[in-house]
């Protein structure tokens, strides 16, 4: 484009968060990249993909309850939408639970490693306790340093 020139670019857009409400005013484009095979399957497939990253409902009246909009733009019947919402809720709950379990396991590993490091520090300090100073005299295994 030449400086100052404008050109309209028509994009197919999808809602990326079934638990959020419809945007008021301009929509924010996000940098998500999905392979075309998902896009060809429509809005429901986008929500199935994004549900694994969601933490639950972020609004009282989510986009996934906009029956008229979904029917007009994506040919989804009310029954299909309700079935999809149930499926998405199961996906979200399962992934939230899995992330919580992973977080708890990680906290436990950190706690165990901290205890192990503490025991090593205590053991190392007690095994190098007979020194008369740094770099001189009698040194029993270390130069007065502990790790």
N, C-alpha and C. Protein backbone atom coordinates (compact mmCIF):
# COMPACT_ATOMS: atom_id res chain seq x y z
N UNK A 1 0.83 -1.18 0.00
CA UNK A 1 0.00 0.00 0.00
C UNK A 1 0.88 1.25 0.00
N UNK A 2 0.39 2.22 -0.68
CA UNK A 2 1.10 3.50 -0.70
C UNK A 2 0.85 4.23 0.63
N UNK A 3 1.75 5.12 1.03
CA UNK A 3 1.54 5.87 2.27
C UNK A 3 0.17 6.56 2.26
N UNK A 4 -0.56 6.41 3.35
CA UNK A 4 -1.86 7.02 3.49
C UNK A 4 -3.00 6.25 2.83
N UNK A 5 -2.67 5.22 2.09
CA UNK A 5 -3.69 4.43 1.42
C UNK A 5 -4.28 3.40 2.39
N UNK A 6 -5.54 3.13 2.24
CA UNK A 6 -6.22 2.15 3.08
C UNK A 6 -6.81 1.06 2.23
N UNK A 7 -6.91 -0.12 2.80
CA UNK A 7 -7.55 -1.22 2.12
C UNK A 7 -8.29 -2.05 3.15
N UNK A 8 -9.52 -2.39 2.85
CA UNK A 8 -10.30 -3.21 3.77
C UNK A 8 -9.84 -4.66 3.65
N UNK A 9 -9.73 -5.29 4.77
CA UNK A 9 -9.36 -6.70 4.82
C UNK A 9 -10.46 -7.44 5.55
N UNK A 10 -11.11 -8.32 4.84
CA UNK A 10 -12.21 -9.07 5.43
C UNK A 10 -11.64 -10.33 6.07
N UNK A 11 -11.97 -10.51 7.34
CA UNK A 11 -11.48 -11.67 8.09
C UNK A 11 -12.64 -12.47 8.62
N UNK A 12 -12.50 -13.77 8.60
CA UNK A 12 -13.43 -14.61 9.34
C UNK A 12 -12.96 -14.58 10.78
N UNK A 13 -13.83 -14.23 11.68
CA UNK A 13 -13.45 -14.19 13.08
C UNK A 13 -14.34 -15.11 13.89
N UNK A 14 -13.78 -15.59 14.95
CA UNK A 14 -14.49 -16.48 15.86
C UNK A 14 -14.29 -16.00 17.28
N UNK A 15 -15.22 -16.34 18.13
CA UNK A 15 -15.09 -16.05 19.54
C UNK A 15 -14.17 -17.10 20.14
N UNK A 16 -13.17 -16.66 20.89
CA UNK A 16 -12.21 -17.59 21.46
C UNK A 16 -12.51 -18.02 22.88
N UNK A 17 -13.53 -17.45 23.51
CA UNK A 17 -13.82 -17.77 24.90
C UNK A 17 -15.32 -17.91 25.08
N UNK A 18 -15.79 -19.13 25.17
CA UNK A 18 -17.24 -19.37 25.29
C UNK A 18 -17.82 -18.86 26.59
N UNK A 19 -16.97 -18.56 27.56
CA UNK A 19 -17.45 -18.10 28.86
C UNK A 19 -17.50 -16.58 28.97
N UNK A 20 -16.97 -15.89 27.97
CA UNK A 20 -16.97 -14.42 27.99
C UNK A 20 -18.23 -13.89 27.31
N UNK A 21 -18.51 -12.63 27.54
CA UNK A 21 -19.68 -12.02 26.91
C UNK A 21 -19.29 -11.45 25.55
N UNK A 22 -20.30 -11.12 24.75
CA UNK A 22 -20.03 -10.50 23.46
C UNK A 22 -19.32 -9.18 23.68
N UNK A 23 -18.36 -8.85 22.80
CA UNK A 23 -17.67 -7.57 22.97
C UNK A 23 -18.61 -6.40 22.73
N UNK A 24 -18.42 -5.37 23.49
CA UNK A 24 -19.18 -4.13 23.31
C UNK A 24 -18.28 -3.19 22.53
N UNK A 25 -18.70 -2.78 21.35
CA UNK A 25 -17.86 -1.93 20.52
C UNK A 25 -16.91 -2.78 19.70
N UNK A 26 -15.70 -2.31 19.54
CA UNK A 26 -14.72 -3.03 18.72
C UNK A 26 -14.22 -4.28 19.44
N UNK A 27 -14.02 -5.32 18.66
CA UNK A 27 -13.47 -6.55 19.21
C UNK A 27 -11.95 -6.48 19.16
N UNK A 28 -11.31 -7.09 20.11
CA UNK A 28 -9.86 -7.15 20.16
C UNK A 28 -9.40 -8.41 19.44
N UNK A 29 -8.56 -8.24 18.43
CA UNK A 29 -8.01 -9.40 17.75
C UNK A 29 -6.87 -9.96 18.58
N UNK A 30 -6.87 -11.26 18.77
CA UNK A 30 -5.82 -11.91 19.53
C UNK A 30 -4.87 -12.63 18.58
N UNK A 31 -3.66 -12.89 19.02
CA UNK A 31 -2.66 -13.48 18.13
C UNK A 31 -2.70 -15.01 18.05
N UNK A 32 -3.83 -15.62 18.39
CA UNK A 32 -3.90 -17.08 18.33
C UNK A 32 -3.85 -17.55 16.89
N UNK A 33 -3.13 -18.62 16.68
CA UNK A 33 -3.07 -19.23 15.36
C UNK A 33 -3.60 -20.64 15.47
N UNK A 34 -4.59 -20.94 14.69
CA UNK A 34 -5.13 -22.29 14.65
C UNK A 34 -5.02 -22.80 13.22
N UNK A 35 -4.70 -24.07 13.10
CA UNK A 35 -4.62 -24.60 11.75
C UNK A 35 -6.01 -24.58 11.12
N UNK A 36 -6.03 -24.51 9.82
CA UNK A 36 -7.29 -24.33 9.09
C UNK A 36 -8.27 -25.46 9.32
N UNK A 37 -7.78 -26.64 9.63
CA UNK A 37 -8.72 -27.76 9.83
C UNK A 37 -9.69 -27.47 10.97
N UNK A 38 -9.24 -26.77 12.00
CA UNK A 38 -10.13 -26.41 13.10
C UNK A 38 -11.12 -25.32 12.64
N UNK A 39 -10.62 -24.35 11.91
CA UNK A 39 -11.47 -23.24 11.48
C UNK A 39 -12.58 -23.71 10.55
N UNK A 40 -12.30 -24.68 9.73
CA UNK A 40 -13.32 -25.16 8.79
C UNK A 40 -14.46 -25.85 9.51
N UNK A 41 -14.22 -26.28 10.74
CA UNK A 41 -15.27 -26.96 11.50
C UNK A 41 -16.15 -25.98 12.27
N UNK A 42 -15.78 -24.71 12.33
CA UNK A 42 -16.65 -23.68 12.88
C UNK A 42 -16.43 -23.28 14.32
N UNK A 43 -17.37 -22.44 14.79
CA UNK A 43 -17.30 -21.85 16.13
C UNK A 43 -17.21 -22.91 17.22
N UNK A 44 -18.00 -23.96 17.12
CA UNK A 44 -17.99 -24.99 18.16
C UNK A 44 -16.60 -25.60 18.33
N UNK A 45 -15.90 -25.83 17.25
CA UNK A 45 -14.56 -26.42 17.32
C UNK A 45 -13.58 -25.45 17.97
N UNK A 46 -13.73 -24.16 17.69
CA UNK A 46 -12.85 -23.15 18.33
C UNK A 46 -13.07 -23.19 19.84
N UNK A 47 -14.32 -23.25 20.26
CA UNK A 47 -14.59 -23.31 21.70
C UNK A 47 -14.08 -24.60 22.32
N UNK A 48 -14.19 -25.71 21.62
CA UNK A 48 -13.64 -26.97 22.15
C UNK A 48 -12.13 -26.84 22.37
N UNK A 49 -11.46 -26.20 21.41
CA UNK A 49 -10.02 -26.01 21.53
C UNK A 49 -9.67 -25.08 22.69
N UNK A 50 -10.36 -23.95 22.80
CA UNK A 50 -10.00 -22.95 23.81
C UNK A 50 -10.45 -23.35 25.22
N UNK A 51 -11.41 -24.25 25.34
CA UNK A 51 -11.92 -24.64 26.66
C UNK A 51 -10.82 -25.20 27.55
N UNK A 52 -9.83 -25.85 26.96
CA UNK A 52 -8.76 -26.43 27.76
C UNK A 52 -7.90 -25.38 28.47
N UNK A 53 -8.01 -24.14 28.06
CA UNK A 53 -7.21 -23.07 28.66
C UNK A 53 -8.03 -22.16 29.58
N UNK A 54 -9.31 -22.41 29.70
CA UNK A 54 -10.18 -21.54 30.48
C UNK A 54 -10.28 -22.00 31.92
N UNK A 55 -10.63 -21.07 32.78
CA UNK A 55 -10.73 -21.38 34.21
C UNK A 55 -12.15 -21.44 34.72
N UNK A 56 -13.11 -21.18 33.87
CA UNK A 56 -14.51 -21.21 34.29
C UNK A 56 -15.24 -20.03 33.69
N UNK A 57 -16.43 -19.80 34.16
CA UNK A 57 -17.25 -18.72 33.62
C UNK A 57 -16.72 -17.36 34.06
N UNK A 58 -16.55 -16.48 33.08
CA UNK A 58 -16.05 -15.15 33.39
C UNK A 58 -17.15 -14.09 33.35
N UNK A 59 -18.37 -14.48 33.00
CA UNK A 59 -19.48 -13.54 32.96
C UNK A 59 -20.78 -14.29 33.22
N UNK A 60 -21.78 -13.60 33.68
CA UNK A 60 -23.06 -14.23 33.99
C UNK A 60 -23.82 -14.63 32.72
N UNK A 61 -23.60 -13.91 31.64
CA UNK A 61 -24.31 -14.22 30.41
C UNK A 61 -23.29 -14.38 29.28
N UNK A 62 -22.72 -15.58 29.14
CA UNK A 62 -21.65 -15.79 28.17
C UNK A 62 -22.14 -15.84 26.72
N UNK A 63 -21.22 -15.64 25.82
CA UNK A 63 -21.50 -15.70 24.39
C UNK A 63 -22.16 -17.02 24.01
N UNK A 64 -21.77 -18.09 24.66
CA UNK A 64 -22.31 -19.40 24.32
C UNK A 64 -23.80 -19.52 24.65
N UNK A 65 -24.39 -18.48 25.24
CA UNK A 65 -25.84 -18.47 25.48
C UNK A 65 -26.56 -17.50 24.54
N UNK A 66 -25.85 -16.96 23.60
CA UNK A 66 -26.44 -16.05 22.61
C UNK A 66 -27.06 -16.90 21.50
N UNK A 67 -28.19 -17.52 21.80
CA UNK A 67 -28.80 -18.48 20.89
C UNK A 67 -29.10 -17.90 19.51
N UNK A 68 -29.69 -16.71 19.46
CA UNK A 68 -30.03 -16.11 18.16
C UNK A 68 -28.78 -15.87 17.31
N UNK A 69 -27.76 -15.30 17.93
CA UNK A 69 -26.51 -15.02 17.23
C UNK A 69 -25.88 -16.31 16.70
N UNK A 70 -25.85 -17.34 17.53
CA UNK A 70 -25.24 -18.60 17.11
C UNK A 70 -26.04 -19.29 16.02
N UNK A 71 -27.34 -19.16 16.07
CA UNK A 71 -28.17 -19.75 15.03
C UNK A 71 -28.00 -18.99 13.71
N UNK A 72 -28.01 -17.66 13.76
CA UNK A 72 -27.90 -16.85 12.55
C UNK A 72 -26.53 -16.97 11.90
N UNK A 73 -25.48 -16.94 12.69
CA UNK A 73 -24.13 -16.88 12.14
C UNK A 73 -23.45 -18.25 11.97
N UNK A 74 -23.88 -19.22 12.76
CA UNK A 74 -23.19 -20.51 12.72
C UNK A 74 -24.14 -21.69 12.54
N UNK A 75 -25.41 -21.41 12.27
CA UNK A 75 -26.42 -22.44 12.04
C UNK A 75 -26.46 -23.48 13.16
N UNK A 76 -26.35 -23.01 14.40
CA UNK A 76 -26.40 -23.90 15.56
C UNK A 76 -27.76 -23.78 16.23
N UNK A 77 -28.47 -24.89 16.35
CA UNK A 77 -29.78 -24.86 17.01
C UNK A 77 -29.60 -24.70 18.51
N UNK A 78 -30.66 -24.32 19.18
CA UNK A 78 -30.64 -24.16 20.64
C UNK A 78 -30.20 -25.47 21.31
N UNK A 79 -30.70 -26.60 20.82
CA UNK A 79 -30.33 -27.89 21.40
C UNK A 79 -28.84 -28.18 21.20
N UNK A 80 -28.31 -27.85 20.02
CA UNK A 80 -26.87 -28.04 19.77
C UNK A 80 -26.04 -27.15 20.69
N UNK A 81 -26.50 -25.92 20.87
CA UNK A 81 -25.78 -24.97 21.73
C UNK A 81 -25.77 -25.48 23.17
N UNK A 82 -26.91 -25.93 23.67
CA UNK A 82 -26.97 -26.44 25.04
C UNK A 82 -26.08 -27.68 25.21
N UNK A 83 -26.10 -28.56 24.23
CA UNK A 83 -25.25 -29.75 24.28
C UNK A 83 -23.77 -29.35 24.27
N UNK A 84 -23.42 -28.39 23.41
CA UNK A 84 -22.05 -27.91 23.34
C UNK A 84 -21.63 -27.27 24.66
N UNK A 85 -22.50 -26.48 25.26
CA UNK A 85 -22.17 -25.84 26.53
C UNK A 85 -21.88 -26.88 27.61
N UNK A 86 -22.65 -27.97 27.64
CA UNK A 86 -22.39 -29.04 28.60
C UNK A 86 -21.04 -29.67 28.35
N UNK A 87 -20.73 -29.90 27.08
CA UNK A 87 -19.43 -30.48 26.71
C UNK A 87 -18.29 -29.55 27.12
N UNK A 88 -18.44 -28.27 26.84
CA UNK A 88 -17.40 -27.30 27.18
C UNK A 88 -17.20 -27.21 28.69
N UNK A 89 -18.29 -27.25 29.45
CA UNK A 89 -18.17 -27.23 30.92
C UNK A 89 -17.38 -28.43 31.42
N UNK A 90 -17.63 -29.60 30.83
CA UNK A 90 -16.86 -30.80 31.22
C UNK A 90 -15.37 -30.63 30.90
N UNK A 91 -15.08 -30.08 29.71
CA UNK A 91 -13.68 -29.87 29.31
C UNK A 91 -13.01 -28.90 30.27
N UNK A 92 -13.67 -27.79 30.55
CA UNK A 92 -13.10 -26.77 31.45
C UNK A 92 -12.84 -27.37 32.83
N UNK A 93 -13.84 -28.05 33.39
CA UNK A 93 -13.68 -28.63 34.73
C UNK A 93 -12.55 -29.65 34.78
N UNK A 94 -12.47 -30.50 33.77
CA UNK A 94 -11.41 -31.52 33.74
C UNK A 94 -10.04 -30.88 33.67
N UNK A 95 -9.90 -29.85 32.85
CA UNK A 95 -8.60 -29.20 32.71
C UNK A 95 -8.24 -28.35 33.91
N UNK A 96 -9.22 -27.73 34.53
CA UNK A 96 -8.95 -26.98 35.77
C UNK A 96 -8.47 -27.95 36.84
N UNK A 97 -9.13 -29.10 36.95
CA UNK A 97 -8.73 -30.11 37.94
C UNK A 97 -7.31 -30.62 37.64
N UNK A 98 -7.01 -30.90 36.37
CA UNK A 98 -5.68 -31.38 36.01
C UNK A 98 -4.61 -30.33 36.33
N UNK A 99 -4.90 -29.05 36.04
CA UNK A 99 -3.92 -28.00 36.35
C UNK A 99 -3.73 -27.87 37.85
N UNK A 100 -4.80 -28.01 38.63
CA UNK A 100 -4.71 -27.92 40.08
C UNK A 100 -3.85 -29.07 40.63
N UNK A 101 -4.09 -30.28 40.10
CA UNK A 101 -3.29 -31.43 40.53
C UNK A 101 -1.83 -31.26 40.17
N UNK A 102 -1.56 -30.72 38.97
CA UNK A 102 -0.18 -30.47 38.55
C UNK A 102 0.47 -29.42 39.46
N UNK A 103 -0.28 -28.39 39.81
CA UNK A 103 0.25 -27.36 40.71
C UNK A 103 0.58 -27.94 42.08
N UNK A 104 -0.31 -28.77 42.62
CA UNK A 104 -0.06 -29.40 43.92
C UNK A 104 1.16 -30.31 43.86
N UNK A 105 1.30 -31.08 42.78
CA UNK A 105 2.45 -31.96 42.62
C UNK A 105 3.75 -31.16 42.52
N UNK A 106 3.70 -30.03 41.83
CA UNK A 106 4.87 -29.17 41.69
C UNK A 106 5.25 -28.57 43.04
N UNK A 107 4.26 -28.11 43.81
CA UNK A 107 4.53 -27.57 45.15
C UNK A 107 5.19 -28.63 46.02
N UNK A 108 4.70 -29.86 45.94
CA UNK A 108 5.26 -30.96 46.74
C UNK A 108 6.71 -31.23 46.34
N UNK A 109 6.99 -31.22 45.01
CA UNK A 109 8.37 -31.44 44.55
C UNK A 109 9.29 -30.33 45.06
N UNK A 110 8.82 -29.09 45.01
CA UNK A 110 9.63 -27.96 45.49
C UNK A 110 9.89 -28.12 46.99
N UNK A 111 8.86 -28.48 47.73
CA UNK A 111 8.99 -28.68 49.17
C UNK A 111 9.99 -29.81 49.46
N UNK A 112 9.89 -30.92 48.75
CA UNK A 112 10.81 -32.04 48.94
C UNK A 112 12.25 -31.66 48.60
N UNK A 113 12.44 -30.94 47.50
CA UNK A 113 13.79 -30.50 47.12
C UNK A 113 14.36 -29.52 48.13
N UNK A 114 13.52 -28.64 48.66
CA UNK A 114 13.97 -27.69 49.68
C UNK A 114 14.42 -28.43 50.93
N UNK A 115 13.66 -29.43 51.36
CA UNK A 115 14.05 -30.23 52.53
C UNK A 115 15.35 -30.97 52.27
N UNK A 116 15.48 -31.54 51.06
CA UNK A 116 16.70 -32.28 50.72
C UNK A 116 17.91 -31.36 50.72
N UNK A 117 17.77 -30.16 50.16
CA UNK A 117 18.86 -29.19 50.16
C UNK A 117 19.21 -28.77 51.58
N UNK A 118 18.22 -28.63 52.43
CA UNK A 118 18.45 -28.24 53.81
C UNK A 118 19.23 -29.35 54.54
N UNK A 119 18.85 -30.60 54.31
CA UNK A 119 19.57 -31.72 54.94
C UNK A 119 21.01 -31.78 54.45
N UNK A 120 21.23 -31.56 53.15
CA UNK A 120 22.59 -31.57 52.61
C UNK A 120 23.42 -30.45 53.21
N UNK A 121 22.81 -29.29 53.39
CA UNK A 121 23.49 -28.14 53.96
C UNK A 121 23.90 -28.45 55.41
N UNK A 122 22.98 -29.01 56.17
CA UNK A 122 23.27 -29.35 57.57
C UNK A 122 24.36 -30.42 57.63
N UNK A 123 24.27 -31.44 56.79
CA UNK A 123 25.26 -32.51 56.77
C UNK A 123 26.62 -31.97 56.37
N UNK A 124 26.69 -31.12 55.35
CA UNK A 124 27.96 -30.57 54.89
C UNK A 124 28.56 -29.65 55.95
N UNK A 125 27.74 -28.85 56.60
CA UNK A 125 28.24 -27.94 57.63
C UNK A 125 28.81 -28.70 58.81
N UNK A 126 28.18 -29.78 59.23
CA UNK A 126 28.66 -30.53 60.39
C UNK A 126 29.91 -31.33 60.05
N UNK A 127 30.10 -31.73 58.79
CA UNK A 127 31.27 -32.52 58.43
C UNK A 127 32.51 -31.66 58.25
N UNK A 128 32.36 -30.36 58.14
CA UNK A 128 33.53 -29.50 57.97
C UNK A 128 33.63 -28.49 59.12
N UNK A 129 33.43 -28.98 60.34
CA UNK A 129 33.36 -28.07 61.48
C UNK A 129 34.71 -27.79 62.13
N UNK A 130 35.79 -28.53 61.80
CA UNK A 130 37.05 -28.29 62.49
C UNK A 130 38.01 -27.51 61.61
N UNK A 131 37.85 -26.21 61.59
CA UNK A 131 38.80 -25.38 60.86
C UNK A 131 39.16 -24.20 61.74
N UNK A 132 40.32 -23.68 61.53
CA UNK A 132 40.77 -22.56 62.34
C UNK A 132 40.64 -21.24 61.61
N UNK A 133 40.17 -21.26 60.41
CA UNK A 133 40.02 -20.01 59.69
C UNK A 133 40.17 -20.26 58.21
N UNK A 134 39.95 -19.24 57.47
CA UNK A 134 40.00 -19.38 56.02
C UNK A 134 41.44 -19.42 55.54
N UNK A 135 41.81 -20.53 54.92
CA UNK A 135 43.10 -20.63 54.25
C UNK A 135 44.29 -20.85 55.14
N UNK A 136 44.11 -21.14 56.41
CA UNK A 136 45.31 -21.30 57.21
C UNK A 136 45.15 -22.36 58.27
N UNK A 137 46.27 -22.70 58.89
CA UNK A 137 46.27 -23.63 60.02
C UNK A 137 45.71 -24.98 59.66
N UNK A 138 45.08 -25.55 60.67
CA UNK A 138 44.50 -26.87 60.46
C UNK A 138 43.12 -26.71 59.85
N UNK A 139 42.92 -27.36 58.76
CA UNK A 139 41.64 -27.30 58.11
C UNK A 139 41.12 -28.70 57.92
N UNK A 140 40.01 -29.01 58.47
CA UNK A 140 39.47 -30.36 58.42
C UNK A 140 38.48 -30.55 57.30
N UNK A 141 38.89 -30.52 56.07
CA UNK A 141 38.02 -30.83 54.95
C UNK A 141 37.45 -29.63 54.25
N UNK A 142 37.59 -28.48 54.81
CA UNK A 142 37.07 -27.30 54.13
C UNK A 142 37.77 -26.08 54.63
N UNK A 143 37.57 -25.00 54.02
CA UNK A 143 38.23 -23.77 54.43
C UNK A 143 37.23 -22.85 55.13
N UNK A 144 36.39 -23.43 55.92
CA UNK A 144 35.44 -22.62 56.67
C UNK A 144 34.24 -22.18 55.86
N UNK A 145 34.05 -22.74 54.71
CA UNK A 145 32.91 -22.35 53.89
C UNK A 145 31.85 -23.43 53.95
N UNK A 146 30.61 -23.01 53.85
CA UNK A 146 29.52 -23.99 53.82
C UNK A 146 28.62 -23.67 52.65
N UNK A 147 27.95 -24.67 52.16
CA UNK A 147 27.09 -24.52 50.99
C UNK A 147 25.69 -24.97 51.31
